[in-house]
Protein backbone atom coordinates (compact mmCIF):
# COMPACT_ATOMS: atom_id res chain seq x y z
CA MET A 1 -49.67 31.30 29.73
CA LYS A 2 -49.37 30.36 26.15
CA ARG A 3 -45.67 32.18 24.50
CA ILE A 4 -45.39 35.08 23.59
CA SER A 5 -44.19 35.47 19.94
CA SER A 6 -43.00 39.16 20.11
CA ILE A 7 -40.26 37.91 23.20
CA ASP A 8 -39.18 34.92 20.24
CA VAL A 9 -39.09 37.42 17.40
CA ALA A 10 -37.17 39.81 19.70
CA ARG A 11 -34.69 37.15 21.41
CA GLY A 12 -34.10 35.63 17.76
CA LEU A 13 -33.23 38.85 15.65
CA VAL A 14 -30.83 39.60 18.07
CA MET A 15 -29.22 35.87 18.22
CA VAL A 16 -28.73 36.45 14.54
CA ILE A 17 -26.92 39.64 14.91
CA MET A 18 -24.87 38.52 17.61
CA ALA A 19 -23.45 35.33 15.27
CA LEU A 20 -22.35 38.10 13.40
CA ASP A 21 -20.01 39.25 16.03
CA HIS A 22 -18.89 35.96 17.59
CA THR A 23 -17.95 35.44 13.39
CA ARG A 24 -16.24 38.39 13.38
CA ASP A 25 -14.83 37.87 16.12
CA LEU A 26 -13.04 34.45 15.33
CA LEU A 27 -12.29 35.01 11.75
CA HIS A 28 -11.93 38.38 10.54
CA VAL A 29 -8.33 38.34 9.56
CA SER A 30 -7.90 42.01 12.14
CA SER A 31 -10.05 40.89 15.17
CA ILE A 32 -7.17 39.84 17.28
CA ALA A 33 -4.55 43.01 17.05
CA GLN A 34 -7.45 45.57 16.32
CA SER A 35 -10.53 47.13 17.88
CA PRO A 36 -13.31 47.89 16.07
CA THR A 37 -14.54 50.53 17.96
CA ASN A 38 -11.13 52.03 18.49
CA LEU A 39 -11.52 55.37 15.99
CA ASN A 40 -8.08 56.01 15.27
CA THR A 41 -8.15 52.65 13.70
CA THR A 42 -11.22 51.63 12.67
CA THR A 43 -13.88 52.10 9.70
CA PRO A 44 -17.37 53.05 10.06
CA ILE A 45 -18.61 49.62 8.70
CA LEU A 46 -16.26 47.56 10.98
CA PHE A 47 -17.69 50.10 13.90
CA PHE A 48 -21.03 49.29 13.11
CA THR A 49 -20.36 45.29 12.69
CA ARG A 50 -19.28 45.46 16.01
CA TRP A 51 -21.97 47.95 17.66
CA ILE A 52 -24.89 46.51 16.37
CA THR A 53 -23.94 43.73 18.08
CA TYR A 54 -24.11 45.83 21.47
CA LEU A 55 -27.90 45.19 21.07
CA CYS A 56 -27.34 41.36 22.24
CA ALA A 57 -26.39 40.87 25.67
CA PRO A 58 -28.62 43.22 27.39
CA ILE A 59 -31.56 41.81 25.04
CA PHE A 60 -31.04 38.43 26.29
CA VAL A 61 -30.09 39.92 30.15
CA PHE A 62 -33.66 41.54 30.12
CA LEU A 63 -35.87 39.32 28.66
CA ALA A 64 -34.14 36.41 30.88
CA GLY A 65 -35.64 38.14 33.50
CA THR A 66 -39.17 38.75 31.76
CA SER A 67 -38.90 35.41 31.03
CA ALA A 68 -38.46 34.38 34.78
CA TYR A 69 -41.53 36.98 35.73
CA LEU A 70 -43.67 34.33 32.95
CA SER A 71 -42.33 31.54 34.35
CA LEU A 72 -43.75 32.57 37.74
CA LYS A 73 -47.23 33.58 36.77
CA ARG A 74 -47.66 30.70 35.11
CA LYS A 75 -46.55 28.21 38.15
CA ASN A 76 -47.95 30.54 40.41
CA ASN A 77 -46.06 28.40 43.32
CA ILE A 78 -42.50 30.68 44.59
CA ALA A 79 -41.08 27.66 46.03
CA GLN A 80 -41.45 25.61 42.61
CA SER A 81 -40.16 28.73 40.98
CA ARG A 82 -37.40 29.99 43.60
CA GLU A 83 -36.19 25.67 43.08
CA PHE A 84 -35.96 26.01 39.30
CA LEU A 85 -34.15 29.34 39.38
CA LEU A 86 -31.30 28.62 41.54
CA LYS A 87 -31.04 25.26 39.86
CA ARG A 88 -30.83 26.91 36.56
CA GLY A 89 -28.47 30.02 37.59
CA PHE A 90 -25.98 27.60 38.91
CA TRP A 91 -26.44 25.30 36.21
CA LEU A 92 -25.62 28.20 33.51
CA ILE A 93 -22.39 29.29 35.58
CA VAL A 94 -21.13 25.46 35.18
CA LEU A 95 -21.92 25.41 31.54
CA GLU A 96 -20.21 28.54 30.73
CA PHE A 97 -16.74 27.10 32.43
CA THR A 98 -17.17 24.25 30.65
CA VAL A 99 -19.12 23.82 27.40
CA VAL A 100 -19.14 27.44 26.17
CA ASN A 101 -15.59 28.38 27.06
CA PHE A 102 -14.42 25.40 25.02
CA GLY A 103 -16.47 25.77 22.13
CA LEU A 104 -14.81 29.53 22.20
CA PHE A 105 -11.02 28.56 23.11
CA PHE A 106 -10.74 24.81 22.01
CA ASP A 107 -8.55 24.85 24.76
CA PRO A 108 -8.58 21.64 26.83
CA GLY A 109 -6.25 23.43 29.30
CA PHE A 110 -8.83 26.12 29.96
CA HIS A 111 -6.23 28.77 30.55
CA LEU A 112 -7.82 31.64 30.17
CA LEU A 113 -11.84 31.15 31.82
CA LEU A 114 -14.55 33.97 30.82
CA PHE A 115 -17.26 35.04 32.99
CA GLU A 116 -19.52 36.51 30.12
CA VAL A 117 -23.35 36.51 29.31
CA ILE A 118 -24.56 33.15 30.36
CA ALA A 119 -23.24 33.13 33.62
CA THR A 120 -24.48 36.51 34.67
CA ILE A 121 -27.68 35.43 33.74
CA GLY A 122 -26.90 32.24 35.92
CA PHE A 123 -25.74 34.54 38.72
CA GLY A 124 -29.15 37.03 37.99
CA PHE A 125 -31.32 33.99 37.98
CA ILE A 126 -29.34 32.86 41.89
CA ALA A 127 -30.20 36.64 43.03
CA LEU A 128 -33.79 36.53 41.86
CA SER A 129 -34.60 33.06 43.17
CA LEU A 130 -33.61 34.66 46.59
CA LEU A 131 -35.82 38.02 45.93
CA LEU A 132 -39.30 36.34 44.57
CA ARG A 133 -40.99 37.31 47.67
CA VAL A 134 -39.76 41.22 47.31
CA PRO A 135 -42.63 43.21 45.89
CA LEU A 136 -42.28 44.06 42.44
CA LYS A 137 -42.28 47.85 42.65
CA ILE A 138 -39.68 47.60 44.79
CA LEU A 139 -37.63 45.11 42.82
CA PHE A 140 -38.03 47.69 39.54
CA PHE A 141 -36.35 50.64 41.60
CA ILE A 142 -33.47 48.57 42.81
CA GLY A 143 -32.54 47.98 38.88
CA LEU A 144 -33.07 51.33 37.98
CA ILE A 145 -30.74 52.45 41.21
CA ILE A 146 -28.44 50.16 40.05
CA VAL A 147 -28.40 50.89 36.30
CA PHE A 148 -28.80 54.66 36.95
CA SER A 149 -25.91 54.61 39.89
CA HIS A 150 -23.11 51.89 39.03
CA ASP A 151 -21.32 53.97 37.12
CA LEU A 152 -20.13 55.69 40.14
CA PHE A 153 -18.11 52.92 41.41
CA ALA A 154 -15.39 53.94 39.24
CA SER A 155 -14.92 57.41 41.19
CA ILE A 156 -14.85 55.71 44.24
CA PRO A 157 -10.93 56.23 45.74
CA PHE A 158 -10.37 52.72 46.83
CA ALA A 159 -6.71 52.34 47.92
CA ARG A 160 -5.08 50.19 45.28
CA GLY A 161 -4.56 46.82 45.89
CA SER A 162 -6.96 47.15 48.74
CA LEU A 163 -9.17 44.16 50.33
CA ALA A 164 -12.29 45.97 49.57
CA LEU A 165 -11.35 46.61 46.02
CA LYS A 166 -10.53 43.06 45.61
CA ILE A 167 -13.94 42.27 46.28
CA LEU A 168 -16.06 44.99 44.92
CA SER A 169 -14.23 45.24 41.79
CA PRO A 170 -15.10 41.91 40.08
CA LEU A 171 -18.77 42.99 40.67
CA PHE A 172 -19.11 45.93 39.22
CA ASN A 173 -16.00 46.08 36.49
CA LEU A 174 -14.44 44.22 33.98
CA THR A 175 -11.77 42.68 36.19
CA PRO A 176 -8.94 39.78 35.45
CA ILE A 177 -8.56 37.36 38.20
CA PRO A 178 -5.27 35.29 38.37
CA LEU A 179 -5.70 31.87 39.20
CA PHE A 180 -2.58 29.62 39.42
CA SER A 181 0.04 29.53 37.18
CA GLY A 182 -0.73 30.17 33.74
CA HIS A 183 -4.52 30.24 34.37
CA LEU A 184 -6.77 33.28 34.02
CA MET A 185 -10.53 34.17 34.87
CA LEU A 186 -11.68 37.42 33.36
CA VAL A 187 -14.60 38.65 34.60
CA ALA A 188 -16.01 40.39 31.48
CA TYR A 189 -19.55 40.57 32.31
CA PRO A 190 -19.43 41.79 36.20
CA PRO A 191 -22.51 41.02 37.86
CA LEU A 192 -23.93 43.61 39.45
CA PRO A 193 -24.74 46.04 36.28
CA TRP A 194 -26.25 43.19 34.93
CA LEU A 195 -28.54 42.34 37.77
CA GLY A 196 -30.20 45.78 36.99
CA ILE A 197 -31.37 44.86 34.12
CA MET A 198 -32.41 41.43 34.74
CA LEU A 199 -34.90 42.99 37.44
CA ILE A 200 -36.07 46.00 35.30
CA GLY A 201 -37.07 42.88 32.94
CA PHE A 202 -38.64 40.95 35.59
CA ALA A 203 -40.74 43.83 36.37
CA ALA A 204 -41.39 44.78 33.10
CA GLY A 205 -42.70 40.80 32.62
CA ARG A 206 -45.99 42.51 33.91
CA LEU A 207 -46.17 44.61 30.68
CA PHE A 208 -46.99 41.18 28.83
CA GLU A 209 -49.89 40.72 30.66
CA LEU A 210 -51.41 43.98 28.97
CA PRO A 211 -53.51 42.80 25.40
CA GLU A 212 -51.74 42.72 22.33
CA GLU A 213 -53.08 46.35 21.30
CA LYS A 214 -52.24 48.03 23.81
CA ARG A 215 -48.62 46.51 24.52
CA LYS A 216 -47.22 47.76 20.65
CA PRO A 217 -47.97 51.45 21.54
CA VAL A 218 -46.72 51.23 25.09
CA PHE A 219 -43.60 49.35 24.12
CA PHE A 220 -43.19 51.96 21.40
CA GLN A 221 -43.68 54.98 23.81
CA ILE A 222 -40.87 53.37 26.28
CA GLY A 223 -38.24 52.79 23.69
CA SER A 224 -38.77 56.37 22.17
CA ILE A 225 -38.54 57.89 25.70
CA LEU A 226 -35.49 55.67 26.31
CA LEU A 227 -33.16 56.41 23.17
CA ILE A 228 -34.74 60.77 23.93
CA LEU A 229 -33.04 60.01 27.53
CA PHE A 230 -29.79 58.70 26.02
CA ALA A 231 -29.19 61.76 23.64
CA LEU A 232 -30.22 64.19 26.29
CA VAL A 233 -27.66 62.59 28.56
CA ARG A 234 -24.73 62.21 26.21
CA VAL A 235 -25.19 65.28 25.28
CA VAL A 236 -24.27 67.10 28.24
CA ASN A 237 -21.04 64.64 28.23
CA ARG A 238 -20.59 64.53 31.80
CA TYR A 239 -22.12 61.35 33.24
CA GLY A 240 -23.27 57.41 31.74
CA ASP A 241 -20.66 56.63 30.57
CA THR A 242 -16.48 56.13 30.94
CA VAL A 243 -15.54 57.59 27.46
CA PRO A 244 -16.75 60.97 26.53
CA TRP A 245 -17.48 61.94 22.98
CA SER A 246 -15.68 64.57 20.91
CA TYR A 247 -15.73 66.02 17.31
CA GLN A 248 -13.78 64.34 15.21
CA LYS A 249 -12.14 64.37 11.41
CA SER A 250 -15.20 63.86 9.88
CA SER A 251 -19.22 64.00 10.79
CA ILE A 252 -19.64 60.43 10.66
CA PHE A 253 -16.84 59.29 13.32
CA THR A 254 -17.91 62.59 15.35
CA PHE A 255 -21.26 60.93 15.57
CA LEU A 256 -19.55 56.94 15.75
CA SER A 257 -17.82 59.37 18.92
CA PHE A 258 -21.24 59.74 20.12
CA ILE A 259 -22.49 56.30 20.02
CA ASN A 260 -19.32 54.60 21.38
CA ILE A 261 -20.72 53.61 24.45
CA ASN A 262 -19.03 51.28 27.03
CA LYS A 263 -20.25 47.64 27.84
CA TYR A 264 -17.79 46.08 30.28
CA PRO A 265 -19.49 47.22 32.11
CA PRO A 266 -22.66 48.36 30.59
CA SER A 267 -22.60 52.35 31.32
CA LEU A 268 -26.12 53.69 31.80
CA LEU A 269 -25.91 54.93 28.30
CA PHE A 270 -25.06 51.85 26.64
CA THR A 271 -28.49 50.59 28.61
CA LEU A 272 -30.24 53.21 27.53
CA VAL A 273 -29.74 53.06 23.96
CA THR A 274 -29.49 49.04 23.69
CA LEU A 275 -33.07 48.89 25.69
CA GLY A 276 -34.37 51.52 23.84
CA ILE A 277 -33.65 49.55 20.53
CA MET A 278 -35.50 46.17 22.21
CA PHE A 279 -38.49 47.95 22.92
CA LEU A 280 -39.19 49.19 19.25
CA ILE A 281 -38.44 45.70 17.98
CA LEU A 282 -40.83 44.55 20.41
CA SER A 283 -43.16 47.26 19.32
CA ALA A 284 -42.25 46.27 15.88
CA ALA A 285 -42.98 42.59 16.32
CA GLU A 286 -46.32 42.86 18.26
CA LYS A 287 -49.47 41.30 16.06
CA ARG A 288 -47.43 40.93 13.17
CA ASN A 289 -47.11 37.34 11.65
CA ASN A 290 -45.10 37.21 8.35
CA LYS A 291 -41.65 35.09 6.98
CA LEU A 292 -39.25 37.36 9.05
CA THR A 293 -40.92 37.13 12.32
CA ALA A 294 -41.38 33.02 11.80
CA VAL A 295 -37.73 32.59 11.01
CA ALA A 296 -36.59 34.83 13.73
CA GLY A 297 -39.20 33.16 16.41
CA VAL A 298 -37.47 29.47 15.40
CA TYR A 299 -34.23 31.01 17.16
CA GLY A 300 -35.94 32.68 19.97
CA LYS A 301 -37.55 29.76 21.30
CA VAL A 302 -34.52 27.86 21.53
CA PRO A 303 -31.71 30.63 22.72
CA LEU A 304 -29.49 28.35 24.97
CA PHE A 305 -29.32 25.58 22.35
CA TYR A 306 -28.51 27.82 19.35
CA PHE A 307 -25.88 30.11 21.66
CA ILE A 308 -23.56 26.60 22.59
CA VAL A 309 -24.12 25.09 19.06
CA HIS A 310 -23.62 28.42 16.94
CA PHE A 311 -19.92 28.78 18.61
CA TYR A 312 -18.85 25.02 18.00
CA LEU A 313 -19.67 25.47 14.31
CA ILE A 314 -18.04 29.05 13.94
CA HIS A 315 -15.03 27.59 15.73
CA THR A 316 -14.75 24.30 12.85
CA ILE A 317 -15.27 26.48 10.36
CA LEU A 318 -12.07 28.69 11.36
CA LEU A 319 -10.36 25.97 11.80
CA ILE A 320 -11.31 24.24 8.45
CA ILE A 321 -9.99 28.32 7.22
CA LEU A 322 -6.90 28.36 8.92
CA PHE A 323 -6.02 24.60 7.40
CA ALA A 324 -7.11 26.20 4.05
CA GLN A 325 -4.62 29.13 4.34
CA GLY A 326 -1.46 25.81 5.00
CA PHE A 327 -1.44 26.18 8.72
CA HIS A 328 -0.78 22.99 10.37
CA TRP A 329 -2.11 21.55 13.67
CA ALA A 330 1.24 22.33 15.15
CA ASP A 331 1.01 26.38 14.62
CA MET A 332 -2.17 26.33 16.05
CA ASN A 333 -2.58 28.49 19.62
CA PHE A 334 -5.25 27.34 21.89
CA ALA A 335 -3.85 28.55 25.14
CA SER A 336 -3.87 32.34 24.72
CA GLY A 337 -7.05 33.22 24.02
CA SER A 338 -6.69 33.51 20.09
CA PHE A 339 -8.90 31.20 19.27
CA GLY A 340 -6.28 28.65 18.03
CA ARG A 341 -4.97 31.10 15.57
CA PRO A 342 -1.15 31.11 14.80
CA LYS A 343 0.95 33.91 16.76
CA GLY A 344 2.90 36.47 14.62
CA ALA A 345 1.06 35.32 11.26
CA GLU A 346 -1.72 36.89 9.09
CA SER A 347 -4.69 34.63 9.34
CA GLY A 348 -8.58 35.07 8.67
CA VAL A 349 -10.93 36.17 6.04
CA PRO A 350 -11.68 40.05 5.29
CA LEU A 351 -15.09 41.57 6.48
CA TRP A 352 -17.00 41.04 3.23
CA ALA A 353 -16.24 37.05 4.11
CA VAL A 354 -17.34 37.30 7.28
CA TYR A 355 -20.51 38.49 6.15
CA LEU A 356 -21.13 35.41 3.98
CA ILE A 357 -20.05 33.00 6.21
CA TRP A 358 -22.13 34.61 9.25
CA ILE A 359 -25.55 34.09 6.60
CA GLY A 360 -24.41 30.40 6.09
CA VAL A 361 -23.81 29.68 10.09
CA VAL A 362 -27.25 30.83 10.37
CA ALA A 363 -28.87 29.26 7.82
CA LEU A 364 -27.17 26.07 9.03
CA LEU A 365 -28.55 26.55 12.24
CA TYR A 366 -31.99 26.91 11.32
CA LYS A 367 -33.33 23.55 10.54
CA PRO A 368 -31.42 22.23 13.93
CA CYS A 369 -33.24 24.89 15.90
CA LEU A 370 -36.36 24.53 14.30
CA TRP A 371 -36.07 20.60 15.33
CA PHE A 372 -35.21 21.15 18.54
CA GLY A 373 -37.58 23.64 19.16
CA LYS A 374 -40.57 21.08 18.16
CA HIS A 375 -39.04 18.59 20.32
CA LYS A 376 -38.74 20.74 23.33
CA ALA A 377 -42.57 21.63 23.02
CA SER A 378 -43.60 18.30 22.47
CA TYR A 379 -41.62 16.46 25.17
CA ASN A 380 -41.71 17.69 28.95
CA SER A 381 -37.92 16.30 29.57
CA TRP A 382 -36.43 17.57 32.26
CA TRP A 383 -33.13 18.32 30.28
CA THR A 384 -35.19 20.33 27.65
CA GLY A 385 -36.27 22.78 30.74
CA TYR A 386 -32.48 23.58 30.94
CA LEU A 387 -31.41 23.99 26.96
């Protein structure tokens, strides 16, 4: 089965957007002290700079499930697919806690370990490897049940400090886990809600077996239905997200409140709106070949390679900026999760510069991604399958 270009285009597009979020996270002058979605302190442009990047993780996870389905169909061998998913799942978790975490913080002591999107995809692959013999419809319904019901976990009256809460909370909620003196693991992407998205993505792999001319309207219809469902559930303001919307000081801020949804963990409303937009992107990308789709496809064919390299590039740019702003190596603070930025001193760049640097980062990575994509397609090395 040949590569499906709309998957590469959709994934590549959100990877480009993802670099904006990480550039803002590391470089923006107020990123350490200010939440861009705090309606009391944010601006519309800062809010949307963050909000648009909400698309990235759910699309990665969903399409990871879809790719697993397509890989299974290509291999036509459950045992081989199970082995590959198990190995890749464990590899991704190890990669998250080593190469990715170091690229994010540049902290050789690993004082803060983040369990984020790479590790949660790894967890999903491991779980999926154990479920490959389960009928596709059942996997789809399990995914739906998780996505539509996991928000109820917050309403379960666990006793504070209970064993059940300690065990279950990291599976469902954003959870800090103390390790040993001065070290902490933060489960930022609790794996169970994200597993629901992956299972739905796996089951949706069957849609990509349809002819291209049929996929386009199907994807558009699914995307439209999900966005309408998002609007209906959000208007009711009773379920689907931990933060209800409310009228604000202006119509634009009321709209921001309406779409201000929870990613940690991914609420039902978060999932509906992001996957709804994803299906519209997939629909638009079907049977469309132009310069934009060609460029996006270059990034989308090598997602993990791009993901790792872009962190190291952005973080290197941060150090260059800090030195240019007069800071010295002794001023750098790598152990506190602030990416090396000095405590108590203003550092970083304004938002307009974040956008310029983001464009530069994406442009600089084009040639390496193009090269690695061609290398991966030409040389079937064992290691390229894991990167």
